[in-house]
């Protein structure tokens, strides 16, 4: 007999376009977006670190900001949140 694990819901807001693009990427691996987020959060908990290189400002990690200047303020807010939390 297995013991049921307690779970909680994690919610976040991202631009619709980003969610749609991420959904397409993870679906290529046979995953849903919730599965991918659950994997990411589980890895953070197990490794006791964020499994990303965030020493570089987030806005320069990819060319996303160059291709989508309308999200630049949003990206800058996220980068500031990581740097000053």
PDB file of N, CA and C in Angstrom:
ATOM      1  N   UNK A   1       0.841  -1.173   0.000  1.00  0.00           N
ATOM      2  CA  UNK A   1       0.000   0.000   0.000  1.00  0.00           C
ATOM      3  C   UNK A   1       0.890   1.241   0.000  1.00  0.00           C
ATOM      4  N   UNK A   2       0.567   2.195  -0.862  1.00  0.00           N
ATOM      5  CA  UNK A   2       1.356   3.420  -0.914  1.00  0.00           C
ATOM      6  C   UNK A   2       0.673   4.520  -0.123  1.00  0.00           C
ATOM      7  N   UNK A   3       1.476   5.405   0.391  1.00  0.00           N
ATOM      8  CA  UNK A   3       0.960   6.549   1.122  1.00  0.00           C
ATOM      9  C   UNK A   3       0.762   7.693   0.148  1.00  0.00           C
ATOM     10  N   UNK A   4      -0.393   8.278   0.156  1.00  0.00           N
ATOM     11  CA  UNK A   4      -0.676   9.399  -0.739  1.00  0.00           C
ATOM     12  C   UNK A   4       0.152  10.605  -0.317  1.00  0.00           C
ATOM     13  N   UNK A   5       0.793  11.205  -1.285  1.00  0.00           N
ATOM     14  CA  UNK A   5       1.586  12.393  -0.995  1.00  0.00           C
ATOM     15  C   UNK A   5       0.685  13.621  -0.999  1.00  0.00           C
ATOM     16  N   UNK A   6       0.976  14.546  -0.090  1.00  0.00           N
ATOM     17  CA  UNK A   6       0.274  15.822  -0.107  1.00  0.00           C
ATOM     18  C   UNK A   6       0.869  16.651  -1.233  1.00  0.00           C
ATOM     19  N   UNK A   7       0.037  17.337  -1.950  1.00  0.00           N
ATOM     20  CA  UNK A   7       0.513  18.178  -3.042  1.00  0.00           C
ATOM     21  C   UNK A   7      -0.030  19.583  -2.880  1.00  0.00           C
ATOM     22  N   UNK A   8       0.558  20.491  -3.599  1.00  0.00           N
ATOM     23  CA  UNK A   8       0.099  21.869  -3.618  1.00  0.00           C
ATOM     24  C   UNK A   8       0.154  22.365  -5.052  1.00  0.00           C
ATOM     25  N   UNK A   9      -0.576  23.384  -5.317  1.00  0.00           N
ATOM     26  CA  UNK A   9      -0.584  23.956  -6.660  1.00  0.00           C
ATOM     27  C   UNK A   9       0.346  25.154  -6.694  1.00  0.00           C
ATOM     28  N   UNK A  10       1.149  25.235  -7.745  1.00  0.00           N
ATOM     29  CA  UNK A  10       2.047  26.368  -7.956  1.00  0.00           C
ATOM     30  C   UNK A  10       1.553  27.101  -9.189  1.00  0.00           C
ATOM     31  N   UNK A  11       1.318  28.389  -9.065  1.00  0.00           N
ATOM     32  CA  UNK A  11       0.830  29.175 -10.195  1.00  0.00           C
ATOM     33  C   UNK A  11       1.838  30.265 -10.530  1.00  0.00           C
ATOM     34  N   UNK A  12       1.967  30.554 -11.802  1.00  0.00           N
ATOM     35  CA  UNK A  12       2.846  31.629 -12.247  1.00  0.00           C
ATOM     36  C   UNK A  12       2.228  32.294 -13.462  1.00  0.00           C
ATOM     37  N   UNK A  13       2.605  33.514 -13.702  1.00  0.00           N
ATOM     38  CA  UNK A  13       2.099  34.241 -14.867  1.00  0.00           C
ATOM     39  C   UNK A  13       3.235  34.435 -15.849  1.00  0.00           C
ATOM     40  N   UNK A  14       2.982  34.072 -17.086  1.00  0.00           N
ATOM     41  CA  UNK A  14       3.925  34.297 -18.175  1.00  0.00           C
ATOM     42  C   UNK A  14       3.123  34.765 -19.377  1.00  0.00           C
ATOM     43  N   UNK A  15       3.748  35.503 -20.281  1.00  0.00           N
ATOM     44  CA  UNK A  15       3.028  35.903 -21.487  1.00  0.00           C
ATOM     45  C   UNK A  15       2.524  34.663 -22.243  1.00  0.00           C
ATOM     46  N   UNK A  16       1.352  34.785 -22.835  1.00  0.00           N
ATOM     47  CA  UNK A  16       0.724  33.676 -23.547  1.00  0.00           C
ATOM     48  C   UNK A  16       1.659  33.085 -24.593  1.00  0.00           C
ATOM     49  N   UNK A  17       2.344  33.935 -25.333  1.00  0.00           N
ATOM     50  CA  UNK A  17       3.236  33.453 -26.393  1.00  0.00           C
ATOM     51  C   UNK A  17       4.352  32.574 -25.828  1.00  0.00           C
ATOM     52  N   UNK A  18       4.902  32.961 -24.690  1.00  0.00           N
ATOM     53  CA  UNK A  18       5.964  32.168 -24.067  1.00  0.00           C
ATOM     54  C   UNK A  18       5.417  30.814 -23.629  1.00  0.00           C
ATOM     55  N   UNK A  19       4.236  30.817 -23.010  1.00  0.00           N
ATOM     56  CA  UNK A  19       3.626  29.553 -22.593  1.00  0.00           C
ATOM     57  C   UNK A  19       3.382  28.644 -23.795  1.00  0.00           C
ATOM     58  N   UNK A  20       2.879  29.207 -24.879  1.00  0.00           N
ATOM     59  CA  UNK A  20       2.605  28.402 -26.070  1.00  0.00           C
ATOM     60  C   UNK A  20       3.890  27.812 -26.651  1.00  0.00           C
ATOM     61  N   UNK A  21       4.953  28.623 -26.706  1.00  0.00           N
ATOM     62  CA  UNK A  21       6.227  28.134 -27.235  1.00  0.00           C
ATOM     63  C   UNK A  21       6.810  27.049 -26.343  1.00  0.00           C
ATOM     64  N   UNK A  22       6.750  27.261 -25.029  1.00  0.00           N
ATOM     65  CA  UNK A  22       7.281  26.271 -24.091  1.00  0.00           C
ATOM     66  C   UNK A  22       6.477  24.969 -24.177  1.00  0.00           C
ATOM     67  N   UNK A  23       5.177  25.078 -24.330  1.00  0.00           N
ATOM     68  CA  UNK A  23       4.332  23.887 -24.461  1.00  0.00           C
ATOM     69  C   UNK A  23       4.732  23.076 -25.682  1.00  0.00           C
ATOM     70  N   UNK A  24       5.019  23.765 -26.791  1.00  0.00           N
ATOM     71  CA  UNK A  24       5.458  23.056 -28.002  1.00  0.00           C
ATOM     72  C   UNK A  24       6.778  22.323 -27.768  1.00  0.00           C
ATOM     73  N   UNK A  25       7.697  22.966 -27.087  1.00  0.00           N
ATOM     74  CA  UNK A  25       9.014  22.360 -26.839  1.00  0.00           C
ATOM     75  C   UNK A  25       8.877  21.123 -25.964  1.00  0.00           C
ATOM     76  N   UNK A  26       8.185  21.236 -24.830  1.00  0.00           N
ATOM     77  CA  UNK A  26       8.101  20.091 -23.928  1.00  0.00           C
ATOM     78  C   UNK A  26       7.264  18.961 -24.522  1.00  0.00           C
ATOM     79  N   UNK A  27       6.318  19.306 -25.393  1.00  0.00           N
ATOM     80  CA  UNK A  27       5.509  18.252 -26.013  1.00  0.00           C
ATOM     81  C   UNK A  27       6.356  17.383 -26.936  1.00  0.00           C
ATOM     82  N   UNK A  28       7.450  17.931 -27.468  1.00  0.00           N
ATOM     83  CA  UNK A  28       8.360  17.139 -28.292  1.00  0.00           C
ATOM     84  C   UNK A  28       9.049  16.050 -27.464  1.00  0.00           C
ATOM     85  N   UNK A  29       9.070  16.220 -26.154  1.00  0.00           N
ATOM     86  CA  UNK A  29       9.642  15.222 -25.249  1.00  0.00           C
ATOM     87  C   UNK A  29       8.565  14.341 -24.630  1.00  0.00           C
ATOM     88  N   UNK A  30       7.337  14.504 -25.096  1.00  0.00           N
ATOM     89  CA  UNK A  30       6.232  13.718 -24.562  1.00  0.00           C
ATOM     90  C   UNK A  30       5.743  14.207 -23.211  1.00  0.00           C
ATOM     91  N   UNK A  31       6.012  15.474 -22.898  1.00  0.00           N
ATOM     92  CA  UNK A  31       5.638  16.046 -21.606  1.00  0.00           C
ATOM     93  C   UNK A  31       4.613  17.148 -21.777  1.00  0.00           C
ATOM     94  N   UNK A  32       3.896  17.406 -20.706  1.00  0.00           N
ATOM     95  CA  UNK A  32       3.063  18.586 -20.627  1.00  0.00           C
ATOM     96  C   UNK A  32       3.841  19.671 -19.902  1.00  0.00           C
ATOM     97  N   UNK A  33       3.371  20.883 -19.968  1.00  0.00           N
ATOM     98  CA  UNK A  33       4.064  21.986 -19.299  1.00  0.00           C
ATOM     99  C   UNK A  33       4.082  21.773 -17.783  1.00  0.00           C
ATOM    100  N   UNK A  34       3.013  21.250 -17.224  1.00  0.00           N
ATOM    101  CA  UNK A  34       2.989  20.966 -15.781  1.00  0.00           C
ATOM    102  C   UNK A  34       4.050  19.935 -15.410  1.00  0.00           C
ATOM    103  N   UNK A  35       4.224  18.918 -16.268  1.00  0.00           N
ATOM    104  CA  UNK A  35       5.256  17.902 -16.012  1.00  0.00           C
ATOM    105  C   UNK A  35       6.639  18.547 -15.986  1.00  0.00           C
ATOM    106  N   UNK A  36       6.904  19.426 -16.951  1.00  0.00           N
ATOM    107  CA  UNK A  36       8.214  20.071 -17.034  1.00  0.00           C
ATOM    108  C   UNK A  36       8.471  20.958 -15.813  1.00  0.00           C
ATOM    109  N   UNK A  37       7.464  21.700 -15.392  1.00  0.00           N
ATOM    110  CA  UNK A  37       7.618  22.558 -14.207  1.00  0.00           C
ATOM    111  C   UNK A  37       7.832  21.691 -12.970  1.00  0.00           C
ATOM    112  N   UNK A  38       7.081  20.593 -12.844  1.00  0.00           N
ATOM    113  CA  UNK A  38       7.247  19.685 -11.712  1.00  0.00           C
ATOM    114  C   UNK A  38       8.667  19.108 -11.685  1.00  0.00           C
ATOM    115  N   UNK A  39       9.203  18.747 -12.863  1.00  0.00           N
ATOM    116  CA  UNK A  39      10.571  18.232 -12.938  1.00  0.00           C
ATOM    117  C   UNK A  39      11.577  19.297 -12.491  1.00  0.00           C
ATOM    118  N   UNK A  40      11.371  20.528 -12.925  1.00  0.00           N
ATOM    119  CA  UNK A  40      12.272  21.629 -12.578  1.00  0.00           C
ATOM    120  C   UNK A  40      12.256  21.876 -11.067  1.00  0.00           C
ATOM    121  N   UNK A  41      11.077  21.957 -10.481  1.00  0.00           N
ATOM    122  CA  UNK A  41      10.962  22.215  -9.046  1.00  0.00           C
ATOM    123  C   UNK A  41      11.543  21.047  -8.242  1.00  0.00           C
ATOM    124  N   UNK A  42      11.322  19.822  -8.694  1.00  0.00           N
ATOM    125  CA  UNK A  42      11.882  18.653  -8.016  1.00  0.00           C
ATOM    126  C   UNK A  42      13.402  18.690  -8.047  1.00  0.00           C
ATOM    127  N   UNK A  43      13.953  19.073  -9.180  1.00  0.00           N
ATOM    128  CA  UNK A  43      15.418  19.150  -9.293  1.00  0.00           C
ATOM    129  C   UNK A  43      15.987  20.224  -8.373  1.00  0.00           C
ATOM    130  N   UNK A  44      15.312  21.361  -8.274  1.00  0.00           N
ATOM    131  CA  UNK A  44      15.751  22.414  -7.350  1.00  0.00           C
ATOM    132  C   UNK A  44      15.790  21.861  -5.924  1.00  0.00           C
ATOM    133  N   UNK A  45      14.742  21.162  -5.538  1.00  0.00           N
ATOM    134  CA  UNK A  45      14.666  20.628  -4.179  1.00  0.00           C
ATOM    135  C   UNK A  45      15.750  19.587  -3.918  1.00  0.00           C
ATOM    136  N   UNK A  46      15.990  18.702  -4.869  1.00  0.00           N
ATOM    137  CA  UNK A  46      16.974  17.640  -4.669  1.00  0.00           C
ATOM    138  C   UNK A  46      18.408  18.161  -4.688  1.00  0.00           C
ATOM    139  N   UNK A  47      18.692  19.103  -5.598  1.00  0.00           N
ATOM    140  CA  UNK A  47      20.062  19.606  -5.747  1.00  0.00           C
ATOM    141  C   UNK A  47      20.363  20.789  -4.829  1.00  0.00           C
ATOM    142  N   UNK A  48      19.328  21.350  -4.219  1.00  0.00           N
ATOM    143  CA  UNK A  48      19.486  22.520  -3.334  1.00  0.00           C
ATOM    144  C   UNK A  48      20.134  23.698  -4.066  1.00  0.00           C
ATOM    145  N   UNK A  49      19.771  23.845  -5.328  1.00  0.00           N
ATOM    146  CA  UNK A  49      20.266  24.964  -6.138  1.00  0.00           C
ATOM    147  C   UNK A  49      19.348  25.119  -7.337  1.00  0.00           C
ATOM    148  N   UNK A  50      19.459  26.250  -8.006  1.00  0.00           N
ATOM    149  CA  UNK A  50      18.709  26.454  -9.241  1.00  0.00           C
ATOM    150  C   UNK A  50      19.545  25.869 -10.376  1.00  0.00           C
ATOM    151  N   UNK A  51      19.005  24.904 -11.105  1.00  0.00           N
ATOM    152  CA  UNK A  51      19.798  24.228 -12.144  1.00  0.00           C
ATOM    153  C   UNK A  51      19.901  25.017 -13.446  1.00  0.00           C
ATOM    154  N   UNK A  52      20.190  26.293 -13.314  1.00  0.00           N
ATOM    155  CA  UNK A  52      20.387  27.178 -14.460  1.00  0.00           C
ATOM    156  C   UNK A  52      21.574  28.078 -14.168  1.00  0.00           C
ATOM    157  N   UNK A  53      22.209  28.557 -15.199  1.00  0.00           N
ATOM    158  CA  UNK A  53      23.264  29.545 -15.015  1.00  0.00           C
ATOM    159  C   UNK A  53      22.606  30.911 -14.997  1.00  0.00           C
ATOM    160  N   UNK A  54      22.410  31.458 -13.803  1.00  0.00           N
ATOM    161  CA  UNK A  54      21.797  32.782 -13.705  1.00  0.00           C
ATOM    162  C   UNK A  54      22.825  33.844 -13.321  1.00  0.00           C
ATOM    163  N   UNK A  55      24.104  33.516 -13.536  1.00  0.00           N
ATOM    164  CA  UNK A  55      25.136  34.514 -13.284  1.00  0.00           C
ATOM    165  C   UNK A  55      25.156  35.550 -14.405  1.00  0.00           C
ATOM    166  N   UNK A  56      24.595  35.206 -15.547  1.00  0.00           N
ATOM    167  CA  UNK A  56      24.460  36.124 -16.673  1.00  0.00           C
ATOM    168  C   UNK A  56      23.065  36.719 -16.593  1.00  0.00           C
ATOM    169  N   UNK A  57      22.909  38.014 -16.825  1.00  0.00           N
ATOM    170  CA  UNK A  57      21.558  38.586 -16.795  1.00  0.00           C
ATOM    171  C   UNK A  57      20.618  37.796 -17.700  1.00  0.00           C
ATOM    172  N   UNK A  58      19.432  37.521 -17.193  1.00  0.00           N
ATOM    173  CA  UNK A  58      18.481  36.682 -17.933  1.00  0.00           C
ATOM    174  C   UNK A  58      18.186  37.225 -19.326  1.00  0.00           C
ATOM    175  N   UNK A  59      18.142  38.528 -19.473  1.00  0.00           N
ATOM    176  CA  UNK A  59      17.790  39.105 -20.766  1.00  0.00           C
ATOM    177  C   UNK A  59      18.816  38.787 -21.837  1.00  0.00           C
ATOM    178  N   UNK A  60      20.034  38.418 -21.452  1.00  0.00           N
ATOM    179  CA  UNK A  60      21.038  38.139 -22.474  1.00  0.00           C
ATOM    180  C   UNK A  60      21.289  36.645 -22.663  1.00  0.00           C
ATOM    181  N   UNK A  61      20.542  35.786 -21.967  1.00  0.00           N
ATOM    182  CA  UNK A  61      20.742  34.353 -22.090  1.00  0.00           C
ATOM    183  C   UNK A  61      20.405  33.871 -23.484  1.00  0.00           C
ATOM    184  N   UNK A  62      19.390  34.442 -24.091  1.00  0.00           N
ATOM    185  CA  UNK A  62      19.009  34.023 -25.437  1.00  0.00           C
ATOM    186  C   UNK A  62      18.708  35.245 -26.277  1.00  0.00           C
ATOM    187  N   UNK A  63      18.404  35.005 -27.522  1.00  0.00           N
ATOM    188  CA  UNK A  63      18.069  36.111 -28.409  1.00  0.00           C
ATOM    189  C   UNK A  63      16.588  36.445 -28.333  1.00  0.00           C
ATOM    190  N   UNK A  64      15.881  35.856 -27.379  1.00  0.00           N
ATOM    191  CA  UNK A  64      14.445  36.102 -27.272  1.00  0.00           C
ATOM    192  C   UNK A  64      14.163  37.593 -27.185  1.00  0.00           C
ATOM    193  N   UNK A  65      14.927  38.311 -26.363  1.00  0.00           N
ATOM    194  CA  UNK A  65      14.677  39.735 -26.186  1.00  0.00           C
ATOM    195  C   UNK A  65      14.895  40.514 -27.476  1.00  0.00           C
ATOM    196  N   UNK A  66      15.821  40.071 -28.310  1.00  0.00           N
ATOM    197  CA  UNK A  66      16.061  40.751 -29.583  1.00  0.00           C
ATOM    198  C   UNK A  66      14.912  40.521 -30.553  1.00  0.00           C
ATOM    199  N   UNK A  67      14.354  39.327 -30.510  1.00  0.00           N
ATOM    200  CA  UNK A  67      13.262  38.991 -31.413  1.00  0.00           C
ATOM    201  C   UNK A  67      11.906  39.470 -30.923  1.00  0.00           C
ATOM    202  N   UNK A  68      11.812  39.775 -29.626  1.00  0.00           N
ATOM    203  CA  UNK A  68      10.548  40.190 -29.029  1.00  0.00           C
ATOM    204  C   UNK A  68      10.766  41.381 -28.101  1.00  0.00           C
ATOM    205  N   UNK A  69      11.080  42.553 -28.653  1.00  0.00           N
ATOM    206  CA  UNK A  69      11.354  43.719 -27.797  1.00  0.00           C
ATOM    207  C   UNK A  69      10.165  44.116 -26.922  1.00  0.00           C
ATOM    208  N   UNK A  70       8.962  43.697 -27.300  1.00  0.00           N
ATOM    209  CA  UNK A  70       7.783  44.041 -26.500  1.00  0.00           C
ATOM    210  C   UNK A  70       7.809  43.403 -25.116  1.00  0.00           C
ATOM    211  N   UNK A  71       8.657  42.370 -24.913  1.00  0.00           N
ATOM    212  CA  UNK A  71       8.763  41.714 -23.614  1.00  0.00           C
ATOM    213  C   UNK A  71       9.974  42.191 -22.807  1.00  0.00           C
ATOM    214  N   UNK A  72      10.723  43.154 -23.311  1.00  0.00           N
ATOM    215  CA  UNK A  72      11.965  43.544 -22.653  1.00  0.00           C
ATOM    216  C   UNK A  72      11.742  44.033 -21.226  1.00  0.00           C
ATOM    217  N   UNK A  73      10.720  44.850 -20.993  1.00  0.00           N
ATOM    218  CA  UNK A  73      10.457  45.321 -19.631  1.00  0.00           C
ATOM    219  C   UNK A  73      10.115  44.160 -18.713  1.00  0.00           C
ATOM    220  N   UNK A  74       9.341  43.202 -19.213  1.00  0.00           N
ATOM    221  CA  UNK A  74       8.970  42.012 -18.437  1.00  0.00           C
ATOM    222  C   UNK A  74      10.215  41.200 -18.082  1.00  0.00           C
ATOM    223  N   UNK A  75      11.098  40.996 -19.047  1.00  0.00           N
ATOM    224  CA  UNK A  75      12.334  40.239 -18.818  1.00  0.00           C
ATOM    225  C   UNK A  75      13.218  40.967 -17.807  1.00  0.00           C
ATOM    226  N   UNK A  76      13.319  42.285 -17.931  1.00  0.00           N
ATOM    227  CA  UNK A  76      14.128  43.061 -16.986  1.00  0.00           C
ATOM    228  C   UNK A  76      13.591  42.942 -15.561  1.00  0.00           C
ATOM    229  N   UNK A  77      12.261  42.940 -15.403  1.00  0.00           N
ATOM    230  CA  UNK A  77      11.670  42.790 -14.075  1.00  0.00           C
ATOM    231  C   UNK A  77      12.047  41.434 -13.469  1.00  0.00           C
ATOM    232  N   UNK A  78      11.992  40.385 -14.287  1.00  0.00           N
ATOM    233  CA  UNK A  78      12.344  39.046 -13.798  1.00  0.00           C
ATOM    234  C   UNK A  78      13.819  39.019 -13.405  1.00  0.00           C
ATOM    235  N   UNK A  79      14.678  39.577 -14.257  1.00  0.00           N
ATOM    236  CA  UNK A  79      16.118  39.592 -13.958  1.00  0.00           C
ATOM    237  C   UNK A  79      16.388  40.333 -12.655  1.00  0.00           C
ATOM    238  N   UNK A  80      15.751  41.455 -12.450  1.00  0.00           N
ATOM    239  CA  UNK A  80      15.941  42.209 -11.212  1.00  0.00           C
ATOM    240  C   UNK A  80      15.464  41.402 -10.011  1.00  0.00           C
ATOM    241  N   UNK A  81      14.380  40.667 -10.173  1.00  0.00           N
ATOM    242  CA  UNK A  81      13.865  39.842  -9.081  1.00  0.00           C
ATOM    243  C   UNK A  81      14.854  38.775  -8.663  1.00  0.00           C
ATOM    244  N   UNK A  82      15.529  38.161  -9.638  1.00  0.00           N
ATOM    245  CA  UNK A  82      16.537  37.136  -9.321  1.00  0.00           C
ATOM    246  C   UNK A  82      17.759  37.746  -8.656  1.00  0.00           C
ATOM    247  N   UNK A  83      18.125  38.939  -9.093  1.00  0.00           N
ATOM    248  CA  UNK A  83      19.339  39.555  -8.571  1.00  0.00           C
ATOM    249  C   UNK A  83      19.147  40.134  -7.176  1.00  0.00           C
ATOM    250  N   UNK A  84      17.935  40.553  -6.847  1.00  0.00           N
ATOM    251  CA  UNK A  84      17.737  41.257  -5.589  1.00  0.00           C
ATOM    252  C   UNK A  84      16.836  40.523  -4.601  1.00  0.00           C
ATOM    253  N   UNK A  85      16.515  39.279  -4.831  1.00  0.00           N
ATOM    254  CA  UNK A  85      15.695  38.537  -3.869  1.00  0.00           C
ATOM    255  C   UNK A  85      16.511  38.128  -2.670  1.00  0.00           C
TER     256      UNK A  85
END
